Amino acid sequence: MTTGLRITQGTFSYLPDFDDDEIKAQIQYGIDNGWACAIEFTDDPHPRNIYWDMWGMPMFDIEDAAAGLHEVNRCREAFPNHYIRVTLYNSKLTKQTTALQFLVNRPPHEPGFKLERQESHDRAIRYTMTPYATDKPPGERYDSDGLGPRRGSNADGAADSPEG
């Protein structure tokens, strides 16, 4: 169940989440174009946070997308409540850029962003966007099940008694 604002970063972000076959097809497309494949993860989804943690080393010489998908699934097992993305990098001379990048994992609950408005000199208004998830320290931003506080639970997370 996803509630809140759905993060829309990277290619395909407005489409439904890819299944493993679709992820594998995109990785194979990158391999067929000679692009390196890298898996990255984060629990800070701010759009300007472009430097995510790297899962292993970039795969420069893989020939089969199954190897890339295997690493995606290993990263999912290790970080089930994080954002995980695949980056396909074009390292050709005169290009050297990210050619394709897309999300392959999201926390079950995406709390979204808050918009802060601040007036400055000459009545100019400045806006800042802050992820609600970063109100907690890294590693604690999503509960172990990623769902956040539930209705019907008290402050310590235990279920309320049926008596009320």
Protein backbone atom coordinates (compact mmCIF):
# COMPACT_ATOMS: atom_id res chain seq x y z
CA MET A 1 0.00 0.00 0.00
CA THR A 2 1.47 3.34 -1.02
CA THR A 3 0.17 6.51 0.56
CA GLY A 4 1.39 10.08 0.41
CA LEU A 5 3.21 11.53 -2.55
CA ARG A 6 4.74 9.05 -4.99
CA ILE A 7 8.33 10.01 -5.78
CA THR A 8 8.73 10.70 -9.50
CA GLN A 9 12.44 10.62 -10.21
CA GLY A 10 14.10 9.17 -13.26
CA THR A 11 12.72 7.65 -16.42
CA PHE A 12 9.40 5.77 -16.23
CA SER A 13 8.56 7.31 -12.83
CA TYR A 14 4.97 8.09 -13.84
CA LEU A 15 4.33 4.49 -14.92
CA PRO A 16 3.40 1.62 -12.61
CA ASP A 17 6.39 -0.07 -10.96
CA PHE A 18 8.28 -2.48 -13.23
CA ASP A 19 8.23 -6.20 -12.58
CA ASP A 20 11.48 -8.17 -12.78
CA ASP A 21 11.06 -9.02 -16.48
CA GLU A 22 10.61 -5.34 -17.36
CA ILE A 23 13.65 -4.37 -15.26
CA LYS A 24 15.69 -7.07 -16.96
CA ALA A 25 14.57 -5.81 -20.40
CA GLN A 26 15.72 -2.26 -19.60
CA ILE A 27 19.08 -3.50 -18.29
CA GLN A 28 19.49 -5.58 -21.47
CA TYR A 29 18.72 -2.48 -23.55
CA GLY A 30 21.58 -0.70 -21.76
CA ILE A 31 23.94 -3.64 -22.26
CA ASP A 32 23.05 -3.77 -25.96
CA ASN A 33 24.03 -0.08 -26.20
CA GLY A 34 27.35 -0.66 -24.40
CA TRP A 35 26.32 1.12 -21.20
CA ALA A 36 27.60 0.26 -17.73
CA CYS A 37 25.03 -0.73 -15.10
CA ALA A 38 25.04 0.47 -11.48
CA ILE A 39 22.63 -0.15 -8.60
CA GLU A 40 22.14 2.64 -6.03
CA PHE A 41 20.00 3.08 -2.91
CA THR A 42 18.98 5.82 -0.45
CA ASP A 43 16.55 6.71 2.30
CA ASP A 44 16.79 10.44 1.47
CA PRO A 45 14.68 10.89 -1.67
CA HIS A 46 15.09 14.67 -2.08
CA PRO A 47 15.27 15.44 -5.83
CA ARG A 48 18.55 17.35 -5.40
CA ASN A 49 20.15 14.41 -3.60
CA ILE A 50 21.75 12.99 -6.72
CA TYR A 51 24.51 11.06 -4.96
CA TRP A 52 22.97 7.85 -3.66
CA ASP A 53 24.85 4.99 -1.98
CA MET A 54 26.36 2.56 -4.46
CA TRP A 55 25.47 -1.13 -4.22
CA GLY A 56 28.73 -2.87 -5.07
CA MET A 57 30.76 -1.72 -8.02
CA PRO A 58 29.37 -0.58 -11.37
CA MET A 59 29.08 -3.47 -13.81
CA PHE A 60 31.03 -2.34 -16.86
CA ASP A 61 31.38 -5.63 -18.67
CA ILE A 62 28.24 -7.68 -18.03
CA GLU A 63 26.77 -9.36 -21.08
CA ASP A 64 23.52 -10.70 -19.61
CA ALA A 65 20.87 -8.63 -17.86
CA ALA A 66 20.28 -11.49 -15.41
CA ALA A 67 23.46 -10.43 -13.57
CA GLY A 68 22.12 -6.89 -13.17
CA LEU A 69 18.72 -8.15 -12.01
CA HIS A 70 20.44 -10.46 -9.53
CA GLU A 71 22.19 -7.45 -7.97
CA VAL A 72 18.91 -5.49 -7.89
CA ASN A 73 17.30 -8.34 -5.96
CA ARG A 74 20.24 -8.61 -3.55
CA CYS A 75 19.98 -4.88 -2.86
CA ARG A 76 16.21 -5.23 -2.35
CA GLU A 77 16.83 -7.97 0.23
CA ALA A 78 19.38 -5.84 2.09
CA PHE A 79 17.38 -2.58 1.91
CA PRO A 80 13.68 -3.43 1.48
CA ASN A 81 12.50 -0.06 2.82
CA HIS A 82 14.79 2.15 0.72
CA TYR A 83 14.57 3.66 -2.71
CA ILE A 84 16.65 1.65 -5.17
CA ARG A 85 17.46 2.70 -8.71
CA VAL A 86 19.27 1.32 -11.72
CA THR A 87 21.61 3.71 -13.51
CA LEU A 88 22.85 2.89 -17.00
CA TYR A 89 25.91 4.97 -17.83
CA ASN A 90 27.15 5.80 -21.33
CA SER A 91 30.92 6.05 -21.02
CA LYS A 92 31.64 6.68 -24.70
CA LEU A 93 33.96 9.56 -25.54
CA THR A 94 32.06 12.85 -25.88
CA LYS A 95 29.04 11.38 -24.03
CA GLN A 96 30.07 10.25 -20.51
CA THR A 97 26.64 10.69 -19.00
CA THR A 98 23.75 8.89 -17.39
CA ALA A 99 21.83 7.45 -20.31
CA LEU A 100 18.95 5.84 -18.42
CA GLN A 101 17.97 5.84 -14.75
CA PHE A 102 14.85 4.40 -13.11
CA LEU A 103 13.51 3.34 -9.71
CA VAL A 104 13.14 -0.38 -9.02
CA ASN A 105 12.17 -0.30 -5.32
CA ARG A 106 10.27 2.06 -3.03
CA PRO A 107 9.36 1.96 0.65
CA PRO A 108 5.76 0.78 1.12
CA HIS A 109 4.92 4.19 2.60
CA GLU A 110 6.20 7.36 0.91
CA PRO A 111 5.46 10.25 3.28
CA GLY A 112 6.08 12.98 0.70
CA PHE A 113 7.47 16.49 1.10
CA LYS A 114 6.65 19.64 2.99
CA LEU A 115 6.88 23.03 1.33
CA GLU A 116 8.32 25.80 3.49
CA ARG A 117 7.83 29.42 2.48
CA GLN A 118 10.09 32.22 3.69
CA GLU A 119 9.78 35.91 2.93
CA SER A 120 13.04 37.75 2.29
CA HIS A 121 14.08 41.27 1.25
CA ASP A 122 11.91 43.19 -1.22
CA ARG A 123 8.99 40.88 -0.44
CA ALA A 124 10.59 38.05 -2.38
CA ILE A 125 9.37 34.63 -1.33
CA ARG A 126 11.73 31.66 -1.21
CA TYR A 127 10.49 28.09 -1.18
CA THR A 128 12.22 25.06 0.26
CA MET A 129 11.10 21.48 -0.22
CA THR A 130 11.96 19.02 2.57
CA PRO A 131 11.18 15.29 2.64
CA TYR A 132 9.18 14.29 5.70
CA ALA A 133 11.30 11.13 5.85
CA THR A 134 14.44 13.15 6.70
CA ASP A 135 12.90 14.30 9.99
CA LYS A 136 14.37 11.03 11.32
CA PRO A 137 18.09 10.11 11.22
CA PRO A 138 19.46 7.91 8.41
CA GLY A 139 18.60 4.25 8.89
CA GLU A 140 15.50 5.11 10.94
CA ARG A 141 13.53 6.98 8.28
CA TYR A 142 11.20 4.11 7.51
CA ASP A 143 9.93 1.59 10.07
CA SER A 144 11.12 -2.00 9.75
CA ASP A 145 7.98 -2.76 7.75
CA GLY A 146 8.06 0.66 6.06
CA LEU A 147 4.45 1.47 6.91
CA GLY A 148 4.94 4.12 9.57
CA PRO A 149 2.63 4.58 12.54
CA ARG A 150 -0.69 2.77 12.29
CA ARG A 151 -4.11 3.82 13.36
CA GLY A 152 -5.16 1.86 16.39
CA SER A 153 -1.70 1.74 17.96
CA ASN A 154 -0.57 3.70 20.96
CA ALA A 155 2.58 5.82 21.26
CA ASP A 156 4.91 2.85 21.89
CA GLY A 157 3.60 1.01 18.81
CA ALA A 158 1.65 -1.65 20.73
CA ALA A 159 -1.88 -2.35 19.59
CA ASP A 160 -4.63 -0.73 21.61
CA SER A 161 -6.70 -3.11 23.68
CA PRO A 162 -10.18 -3.92 22.38
CA GLU A 163 -11.64 -2.44 25.56
CA GLY A 164 -10.44 0.98 24.44
